[in-house]
Amino acid sequence: MYALWGKAAFDRGVAALVLVLGAPVLALLAFAVLLALGRPILFRQRRAGRHGLPFTLIKFRSMRAGSGPDAARLGRFGRWLRASGLDELPQLINVLRGEMSLVGPRPLPCDYTPLFSAAEAERLRVRPGLFGLAQARGRNALPWAHRLGFDMQYARQDADFMTDLRLILACCALLLRGHGATMPGHVTSARLDESLAQGTAPVFAGVKG
């Protein structure tokens, strides 16, 4: 029952509630982004949704506009925003639209989809999420192989309310500690295609736990 309609109802109900009750916080964050980085306040990017169908993900902008490496454009404010996970809050609108779920594999850029193996592409069977198993286990600090592996693991199991609730709480605990926002050696995360080219994203062989 949860898989058929309960998960979608839970997603939309929680998203609507947080957007209404958290409106003052969202307004303060938007004002902070405006002061620190200027316009635009929101970052928009096409991401692969369920079955690989593209949608426009929205989040608070954390980098200065213009060209150049991420390290040069990501200042102290942007680092804090990303570490806290508050930059992701506008994605509750994506959840409300039905493009995302509260829990599921994180939505990745559309140009990553052709890089997935047949097994890794199973992550696209479910709606991408604001929280997920890979995020609960370490967020961006995990190697790509493990992140995709945890995504596969979640996509293969039946949707379960208690599992989703535990993952939300685990992700929130990680965010409160500010852990996992960056991949070692990077200011954010290495691109999947770059990791594959460098031979640092091996085929996932399995994750325990």
Protein backbone atom coordinates (compact mmCIF):
# COMPACT_ATOMS: atom_id res chain seq x y z
CA MET A 1 0.00 0.00 0.00
CA TYR A 2 2.83 2.40 0.83
CA ALA A 3 4.51 1.63 -2.50
CA LEU A 4 1.28 2.09 -4.48
CA TRP A 5 0.11 5.45 -3.14
CA GLY A 6 1.39 5.99 0.41
CA LYS A 7 4.88 7.08 -0.57
CA ALA A 8 3.60 9.72 -3.01
CA ALA A 9 1.09 11.00 -0.46
CA PHE A 10 3.77 11.13 2.24
CA ASP A 11 6.12 12.98 -0.11
CA ARG A 12 3.63 15.66 -1.08
CA GLY A 13 2.20 16.06 2.40
CA VAL A 14 5.59 16.55 4.06
CA ALA A 15 6.86 18.80 1.24
CA ALA A 16 3.80 21.05 1.46
CA LEU A 17 4.01 21.23 5.26
CA VAL A 18 7.72 22.10 5.31
CA LEU A 19 7.33 24.69 2.55
CA VAL A 20 4.55 26.43 4.48
CA LEU A 21 6.08 26.23 7.97
CA GLY A 22 9.59 26.85 6.68
CA ALA A 23 8.69 29.83 4.49
CA PRO A 24 10.46 32.34 6.81
CA VAL A 25 13.64 30.23 6.74
CA LEU A 26 13.49 29.92 2.96
CA ALA A 27 13.02 33.68 2.67
CA LEU A 28 16.04 34.33 4.91
CA LEU A 29 18.17 31.90 2.90
CA ALA A 30 17.09 33.54 -0.36
CA PHE A 31 18.02 36.96 1.04
CA ALA A 32 21.40 35.62 2.22
CA VAL A 33 22.13 34.22 -1.25
CA LEU A 34 21.16 37.56 -2.79
CA LEU A 35 23.52 39.45 -0.47
CA ALA A 36 26.41 37.01 -0.84
CA LEU A 37 26.16 36.07 -4.51
CA GLY A 38 23.63 38.33 -6.17
CA ARG A 39 21.17 37.14 -8.78
CA PRO A 40 20.00 34.63 -9.73
CA ILE A 41 19.08 33.25 -6.32
CA LEU A 42 18.16 29.81 -7.62
CA PHE A 43 20.31 27.36 -9.56
CA ARG A 44 18.47 25.33 -12.18
CA GLN A 45 19.77 22.28 -13.98
CA ARG A 46 18.27 19.48 -16.05
CA ARG A 47 18.53 16.19 -14.21
CA ALA A 48 17.44 12.63 -14.97
CA GLY A 49 14.24 11.65 -13.20
CA ARG A 50 12.35 8.37 -13.01
CA HIS A 51 12.94 6.22 -16.12
CA GLY A 52 15.55 8.78 -17.17
CA LEU A 53 12.98 11.45 -18.05
CA PRO A 54 14.54 14.91 -17.62
CA PHE A 55 13.22 17.54 -15.24
CA THR A 56 14.53 20.87 -13.96
CA LEU A 57 16.03 20.58 -10.49
CA ILE A 58 16.10 23.75 -8.39
CA LYS A 59 18.30 24.66 -5.46
CA PHE A 60 19.78 27.76 -3.87
CA ARG A 61 22.84 28.98 -5.74
CA SER A 62 26.08 28.44 -3.84
CA MET A 63 28.71 29.52 -6.39
CA ARG A 64 29.61 32.89 -7.83
CA ALA A 65 28.52 33.45 -11.42
CA GLY A 66 31.03 33.25 -14.22
CA SER A 67 33.60 30.81 -15.53
CA GLY A 68 36.47 29.24 -13.67
CA PRO A 69 37.04 26.23 -11.42
CA ASP A 70 34.58 25.40 -8.66
CA ALA A 71 37.23 26.10 -6.02
CA ALA A 72 37.50 29.71 -7.18
CA ARG A 73 33.74 30.28 -7.33
CA LEU A 74 32.76 28.53 -4.09
CA GLY A 75 33.42 30.90 -1.20
CA ARG A 76 32.94 30.53 2.53
CA PHE A 77 29.20 31.17 2.32
CA GLY A 78 28.76 28.61 -0.45
CA ARG A 79 30.76 26.00 1.44
CA TRP A 80 28.60 26.48 4.52
CA LEU A 81 25.40 26.34 2.48
CA ARG A 82 26.41 23.07 0.83
CA ALA A 83 27.70 21.48 4.03
CA SER A 84 24.42 22.28 5.79
CA GLY A 85 22.33 20.90 2.92
CA LEU A 86 20.11 24.00 3.10
CA ASP A 87 20.83 24.72 -0.56
CA GLU A 88 18.70 21.67 -1.41
CA LEU A 89 15.50 22.91 0.30
CA PRO A 90 13.93 24.36 -2.89
CA GLN A 91 13.79 20.79 -4.20
CA LEU A 92 10.74 20.37 -1.98
CA ILE A 93 8.98 22.10 -4.89
CA ASN A 94 10.25 19.29 -7.16
CA VAL A 95 8.82 16.82 -4.63
CA LEU A 96 5.49 18.65 -4.59
CA ARG A 97 5.38 18.49 -8.40
CA GLY A 98 5.95 14.72 -8.31
CA GLU A 99 9.32 14.98 -10.07
CA MET A 100 11.17 13.83 -6.96
CA SER A 101 10.51 11.84 -3.81
CA LEU A 102 11.65 12.62 -0.28
CA VAL A 103 13.74 9.43 -0.39
CA GLY A 104 15.46 7.94 -3.42
CA PRO A 105 18.71 8.08 -5.38
CA ARG A 106 19.97 11.63 -5.81
CA PRO A 107 19.09 13.04 -9.27
CA LEU A 108 22.17 13.23 -11.47
CA PRO A 109 22.85 15.28 -14.62
CA CYS A 110 21.26 13.85 -17.75
CA ASP A 111 24.63 13.38 -19.44
CA TYR A 112 25.55 10.78 -16.79
CA THR A 113 22.77 8.40 -17.84
CA PRO A 114 24.62 6.90 -20.87
CA LEU A 115 27.58 6.15 -18.57
CA PHE A 116 25.60 3.77 -16.34
CA SER A 117 26.00 0.03 -16.66
CA ALA A 118 22.80 -1.99 -17.04
CA ALA A 119 22.82 -2.65 -13.29
CA GLU A 120 23.52 0.98 -12.37
CA ALA A 121 20.67 2.14 -14.62
CA GLU A 122 18.28 0.37 -12.22
CA ARG A 123 18.57 3.46 -10.01
CA LEU A 124 16.29 5.14 -12.58
CA ARG A 125 13.43 2.76 -11.79
CA VAL A 126 12.38 4.97 -8.88
CA ARG A 127 11.93 8.71 -8.44
CA PRO A 128 15.09 10.52 -7.41
CA GLY A 129 15.12 11.75 -3.85
CA LEU A 130 16.00 14.64 -1.60
CA PHE A 131 17.46 12.06 0.79
CA GLY A 132 18.79 8.61 -0.01
CA LEU A 133 20.69 5.55 1.11
CA ALA A 134 23.96 6.83 -0.39
CA GLN A 135 23.47 10.18 1.39
CA ALA A 136 22.87 8.42 4.71
CA ARG A 137 26.10 6.47 4.23
CA GLY A 138 28.35 9.45 3.50
CA ARG A 139 26.95 11.82 0.83
CA ASN A 140 29.57 13.09 -1.64
CA ALA A 141 32.45 11.70 0.40
CA LEU A 142 31.68 8.22 -0.94
CA PRO A 143 33.42 6.96 -4.11
CA TRP A 144 31.17 6.91 -7.15
CA ALA A 145 31.06 3.11 -7.21
CA HIS A 146 29.63 3.00 -3.69
CA ARG A 147 27.18 5.84 -4.31
CA LEU A 148 25.76 4.14 -7.39
CA GLY A 149 25.76 0.81 -5.58
CA PHE A 150 23.68 2.14 -2.71
CA ASP A 151 21.32 3.70 -5.26
CA MET A 152 20.90 0.30 -6.92
CA GLN A 153 20.30 -1.31 -3.54
CA TYR A 154 17.51 1.14 -2.70
CA ALA A 155 15.88 0.88 -6.13
CA ARG A 156 15.76 -2.91 -5.95
CA GLN A 157 13.94 -3.11 -2.63
CA ASP A 158 10.22 -2.62 -2.03
CA ALA A 159 9.28 0.84 -0.82
CA ASP A 160 8.85 0.79 2.96
CA PHE A 161 7.76 3.66 5.22
CA MET A 162 10.02 2.79 8.16
CA THR A 163 13.03 2.41 5.86
CA ASP A 164 12.36 5.82 4.33
CA LEU A 165 11.86 7.41 7.75
CA ARG A 166 15.12 5.94 9.06
CA LEU A 167 16.99 7.24 6.00
CA ILE A 168 15.54 10.74 6.42
CA LEU A 169 16.62 10.82 10.08
CA ALA A 170 20.08 9.43 9.25
CA CYS A 171 20.59 12.05 6.52
CA CYS A 172 19.44 14.86 8.82
CA ALA A 173 21.91 13.70 11.49
CA LEU A 174 24.73 13.75 8.92
CA LEU A 175 23.71 17.21 7.71
CA LEU A 176 23.66 18.60 11.26
CA ARG A 177 27.28 17.47 11.64
CA GLY A 178 28.16 19.02 8.26
CA HIS A 179 29.76 15.78 7.07
CA GLY A 180 30.09 14.41 3.55
CA ALA A 181 29.55 17.57 1.52
CA THR A 182 32.76 17.07 -0.47
CA MET A 183 34.65 14.23 -2.09
CA PRO A 184 38.26 13.95 -0.86
CA GLY A 185 40.49 16.11 -3.05
CA HIS A 186 37.57 18.12 -4.45
CA VAL A 187 35.66 21.19 -3.34
CA THR A 188 32.38 19.47 -4.23
CA SER A 189 32.41 16.12 -6.05
CA ALA A 190 34.31 14.74 -9.01
CA ARG A 191 32.23 14.31 -12.14
CA LEU A 192 31.36 10.72 -12.95
CA ASP A 193 32.77 10.93 -16.47
CA GLU A 194 36.07 12.34 -15.15
CA SER A 195 36.29 9.56 -12.56
CA LEU A 196 35.68 6.93 -15.23
CA ALA A 197 38.33 8.48 -17.47
CA GLN A 198 40.85 8.40 -14.63
CA GLY A 199 39.93 4.84 -13.70
CA THR A 200 38.76 5.83 -10.21
CA ALA A 201 35.13 4.72 -10.56
CA PRO A 202 35.31 0.91 -10.83
CA VAL A 203 32.31 -1.26 -11.55
CA PHE A 204 30.36 -1.73 -8.32
CA ALA A 205 30.76 -5.22 -6.94
CA GLY A 206 28.48 -4.99 -3.91
CA VAL A 207 28.07 -3.13 -0.65
CA LYS A 208 27.37 -4.72 2.65
CA GLY A 209 24.84 -3.27 5.05
